[in-house]
């Protein structure tokens, strides 16, 4: 019973649903998700850890960067993820996707080595 409660708790947060919706289109680096959500990396990593523990996402190490993708390997994911993704709609999701596309234009090549990233008017190098 605790496992099913954890699964639903993982899906009960708006930020985590927004992350899942971003991953619906394919694998993303943590820097992509950070930029799309306009959140700092520790906050995004916290939500990613919960989604990974619940079995909804998987991570792939590419060099020094972690990339994330949806994980449909469990029966729970195959049932719950499509429902959650269908329900995650609205203005925030559209804005996330626009920010992601804009951010990808600023990246140095295919990697995550950035010159700088701006989140809520703060610049990180």
C-alpha atoms as a PDB file:
ATOM      1  CA  UNK A   1       0.000   0.000   0.000  1.00  0.00           C
ATOM      2  CA  UNK A   2       2.890   2.388   0.724  1.00  0.00           C
ATOM      3  CA  UNK A   3       4.201   1.998  -2.837  1.00  0.00           C
ATOM      4  CA  UNK A   4       0.913   3.088  -4.410  1.00  0.00           C
ATOM      5  CA  UNK A   5       0.653   6.028  -2.007  1.00  0.00           C
ATOM      6  CA  UNK A   6       4.173   7.116  -3.009  1.00  0.00           C
ATOM      7  CA  UNK A   7       3.271   6.880  -6.706  1.00  0.00           C
ATOM      8  CA  UNK A   8       0.255   9.120  -6.307  1.00  0.00           C
ATOM      9  CA  UNK A   9       2.153  11.562  -4.089  1.00  0.00           C
ATOM     10  CA  UNK A  10       4.814  11.823  -6.800  1.00  0.00           C
ATOM     11  CA  UNK A  11       2.105  12.733  -9.312  1.00  0.00           C
ATOM     12  CA  UNK A  12       0.306  15.144  -6.982  1.00  0.00           C
ATOM     13  CA  UNK A  13       2.767  18.025  -7.426  1.00  0.00           C
ATOM     14  CA  UNK A  14       2.341  20.575 -10.220  1.00  0.00           C
ATOM     15  CA  UNK A  15       6.100  20.972 -10.760  1.00  0.00           C
ATOM     16  CA  UNK A  16       6.576  17.231 -11.169  1.00  0.00           C
ATOM     17  CA  UNK A  17       3.699  17.069 -13.662  1.00  0.00           C
ATOM     18  CA  UNK A  18       5.295  19.926 -15.612  1.00  0.00           C
ATOM     19  CA  UNK A  19       8.594  18.007 -15.680  1.00  0.00           C
ATOM     20  CA  UNK A  20       6.844  14.878 -16.947  1.00  0.00           C
ATOM     21  CA  UNK A  21       5.101  16.926 -19.625  1.00  0.00           C
ATOM     22  CA  UNK A  22       8.462  18.323 -20.793  1.00  0.00           C
ATOM     23  CA  UNK A  23       9.888  14.802 -20.953  1.00  0.00           C
ATOM     24  CA  UNK A  24       6.932  13.650 -23.040  1.00  0.00           C
ATOM     25  CA  UNK A  25       8.794  14.888 -26.134  1.00  0.00           C
ATOM     26  CA  UNK A  26      11.981  13.021 -25.276  1.00  0.00           C
ATOM     27  CA  UNK A  27      15.130  13.019 -23.198  1.00  0.00           C
ATOM     28  CA  UNK A  28      16.257  16.266 -21.563  1.00  0.00           C
ATOM     29  CA  UNK A  29      19.297  17.405 -19.632  1.00  0.00           C
ATOM     30  CA  UNK A  30      18.716  18.804 -16.164  1.00  0.00           C
ATOM     31  CA  UNK A  31      19.815  22.226 -17.466  1.00  0.00           C
ATOM     32  CA  UNK A  32      17.008  22.097 -20.054  1.00  0.00           C
ATOM     33  CA  UNK A  33      14.433  21.395 -17.357  1.00  0.00           C
ATOM     34  CA  UNK A  34      15.876  24.074 -15.083  1.00  0.00           C
ATOM     35  CA  UNK A  35      15.612  26.698 -17.810  1.00  0.00           C
ATOM     36  CA  UNK A  36      12.134  25.637 -18.925  1.00  0.00           C
ATOM     37  CA  UNK A  37      10.712  25.801 -15.400  1.00  0.00           C
ATOM     38  CA  UNK A  38      12.703  28.876 -14.378  1.00  0.00           C
ATOM     39  CA  UNK A  39      13.812  27.085 -11.215  1.00  0.00           C
ATOM     40  CA  UNK A  40      17.224  26.564  -9.697  1.00  0.00           C
ATOM     41  CA  UNK A  41      19.022  23.272 -10.195  1.00  0.00           C
ATOM     42  CA  UNK A  42      18.714  21.970  -6.591  1.00  0.00           C
ATOM     43  CA  UNK A  43      14.920  22.388  -6.681  1.00  0.00           C
ATOM     44  CA  UNK A  44      14.648  20.646 -10.045  1.00  0.00           C
ATOM     45  CA  UNK A  45      16.926  17.835  -8.866  1.00  0.00           C
ATOM     46  CA  UNK A  46      14.729  17.343  -5.784  1.00  0.00           C
ATOM     47  CA  UNK A  47      11.657  16.812  -7.987  1.00  0.00           C
ATOM     48  CA  UNK A  48      13.581  14.606 -10.412  1.00  0.00           C
ATOM     49  CA  UNK A  49      14.710  12.378  -7.516  1.00  0.00           C
ATOM     50  CA  UNK A  50      11.101  11.863  -6.411  1.00  0.00           C
ATOM     51  CA  UNK A  51       9.992  11.003  -9.938  1.00  0.00           C
ATOM     52  CA  UNK A  52      12.911   8.610 -10.338  1.00  0.00           C
ATOM     53  CA  UNK A  53      12.235   6.912  -6.986  1.00  0.00           C
ATOM     54  CA  UNK A  54       8.598   6.450  -8.017  1.00  0.00           C
ATOM     55  CA  UNK A  55       9.778   4.830 -11.261  1.00  0.00           C
ATOM     56  CA  UNK A  56       8.320   7.432 -13.623  1.00  0.00           C
ATOM     57  CA  UNK A  57      11.655   8.594 -15.052  1.00  0.00           C
ATOM     58  CA  UNK A  58      15.112   7.181 -15.651  1.00  0.00           C
ATOM     59  CA  UNK A  59      18.416   8.978 -15.760  1.00  0.00           C
ATOM     60  CA  UNK A  60      21.271   8.538 -18.178  1.00  0.00           C
ATOM     61  CA  UNK A  61      24.754   9.837 -17.483  1.00  0.00           C
ATOM     62  CA  UNK A  62      26.328  11.542 -20.488  1.00  0.00           C
ATOM     63  CA  UNK A  63      29.750  12.836 -19.602  1.00  0.00           C
ATOM     64  CA  UNK A  64      29.301  14.939 -16.507  1.00  0.00           C
ATOM     65  CA  UNK A  65      25.636  15.685 -17.210  1.00  0.00           C
ATOM     66  CA  UNK A  66      22.526  13.749 -16.249  1.00  0.00           C
ATOM     67  CA  UNK A  67      19.797  13.376 -18.816  1.00  0.00           C
ATOM     68  CA  UNK A  68      16.284  12.235 -17.970  1.00  0.00           C
ATOM     69  CA  UNK A  69      13.552  10.436 -19.868  1.00  0.00           C
ATOM     70  CA  UNK A  70      10.185   8.861 -19.111  1.00  0.00           C
ATOM     71  CA  UNK A  71      10.380   5.269 -17.894  1.00  0.00           C
ATOM     72  CA  UNK A  72       7.550   2.988 -19.014  1.00  0.00           C
ATOM     73  CA  UNK A  73       9.211  -0.204 -17.765  1.00  0.00           C
ATOM     74  CA  UNK A  74       6.784  -0.846 -14.896  1.00  0.00           C
ATOM     75  CA  UNK A  75       3.086  -1.617 -15.160  1.00  0.00           C
ATOM     76  CA  UNK A  76       2.352   1.324 -12.858  1.00  0.00           C
ATOM     77  CA  UNK A  77       4.141   3.727 -15.208  1.00  0.00           C
ATOM     78  CA  UNK A  78       2.423   2.311 -18.268  1.00  0.00           C
ATOM     79  CA  UNK A  79      -0.961   2.926 -16.628  1.00  0.00           C
ATOM     80  CA  UNK A  80      -0.430   6.146 -14.644  1.00  0.00           C
ATOM     81  CA  UNK A  81       1.911   8.170 -16.871  1.00  0.00           C
ATOM     82  CA  UNK A  82      -0.393   8.458 -19.907  1.00  0.00           C
ATOM     83  CA  UNK A  83      -3.230   9.604 -17.650  1.00  0.00           C
ATOM     84  CA  UNK A  84      -1.035  12.153 -15.865  1.00  0.00           C
ATOM     85  CA  UNK A  85       0.375  13.463 -19.152  1.00  0.00           C
ATOM     86  CA  UNK A  86      -3.093  13.828 -20.654  1.00  0.00           C
ATOM     87  CA  UNK A  87      -4.257  15.816 -17.632  1.00  0.00           C
ATOM     88  CA  UNK A  88      -1.199  18.098 -17.494  1.00  0.00           C
ATOM     89  CA  UNK A  89      -2.288  20.924 -19.765  1.00  0.00           C
ATOM     90  CA  UNK A  90      -2.584  24.654 -19.578  1.00  0.00           C
ATOM     91  CA  UNK A  91      -0.725  27.912 -19.774  1.00  0.00           C
ATOM     92  CA  UNK A  92       2.218  26.908 -17.599  1.00  0.00           C
ATOM     93  CA  UNK A  93       2.973  23.868 -19.740  1.00  0.00           C
ATOM     94  CA  UNK A  94       2.875  25.980 -22.916  1.00  0.00           C
ATOM     95  CA  UNK A  95       5.178  28.568 -21.365  1.00  0.00           C
ATOM     96  CA  UNK A  96       7.563  25.826 -20.214  1.00  0.00           C
ATOM     97  CA  UNK A  97       7.829  24.516 -23.756  1.00  0.00           C
ATOM     98  CA  UNK A  98       8.447  28.006 -25.174  1.00  0.00           C
ATOM     99  CA  UNK A  99      11.179  28.674 -22.598  1.00  0.00           C
ATOM    100  CA  UNK A 100      12.752  25.306 -23.389  1.00  0.00           C
ATOM    101  CA  UNK A 101      12.900  26.093 -27.100  1.00  0.00           C
ATOM    102  CA  UNK A 102      14.402  29.521 -26.435  1.00  0.00           C
ATOM    103  CA  UNK A 103      16.960  28.033 -24.048  1.00  0.00           C
ATOM    104  CA  UNK A 104      18.019  25.359 -26.526  1.00  0.00           C
ATOM    105  CA  UNK A 105      18.913  28.107 -28.997  1.00  0.00           C
ATOM    106  CA  UNK A 106      21.457  29.504 -26.490  1.00  0.00           C
ATOM    107  CA  UNK A 107      23.215  26.236 -25.675  1.00  0.00           C
ATOM    108  CA  UNK A 108      26.804  25.646 -26.726  1.00  0.00           C
ATOM    109  CA  UNK A 109      26.407  22.781 -29.184  1.00  0.00           C
ATOM    110  CA  UNK A 110      24.619  19.630 -28.093  1.00  0.00           C
ATOM    111  CA  UNK A 111      26.000  19.580 -24.559  1.00  0.00           C
ATOM    112  CA  UNK A 112      25.117  21.494 -21.453  1.00  0.00           C
ATOM    113  CA  UNK A 113      28.230  23.601 -21.267  1.00  0.00           C
ATOM    114  CA  UNK A 114      26.661  27.022 -21.014  1.00  0.00           C
ATOM    115  CA  UNK A 115      28.233  30.415 -21.041  1.00  0.00           C
ATOM    116  CA  UNK A 116      25.506  31.569 -18.657  1.00  0.00           C
ATOM    117  CA  UNK A 117      21.927  30.894 -17.697  1.00  0.00           C
ATOM    118  CA  UNK A 118      19.367  33.422 -16.491  1.00  0.00           C
ATOM    119  CA  UNK A 119      16.677  32.332 -14.035  1.00  0.00           C
ATOM    120  CA  UNK A 120      14.335  34.928 -12.568  1.00  0.00           C
ATOM    121  CA  UNK A 121      16.714  37.782 -13.359  1.00  0.00           C
ATOM    122  CA  UNK A 122      19.720  36.028 -11.753  1.00  0.00           C
ATOM    123  CA  UNK A 123      22.658  35.040 -13.944  1.00  0.00           C
ATOM    124  CA  UNK A 124      24.605  31.841 -13.296  1.00  0.00           C
ATOM    125  CA  UNK A 125      27.895  31.085 -14.995  1.00  0.00           C
END
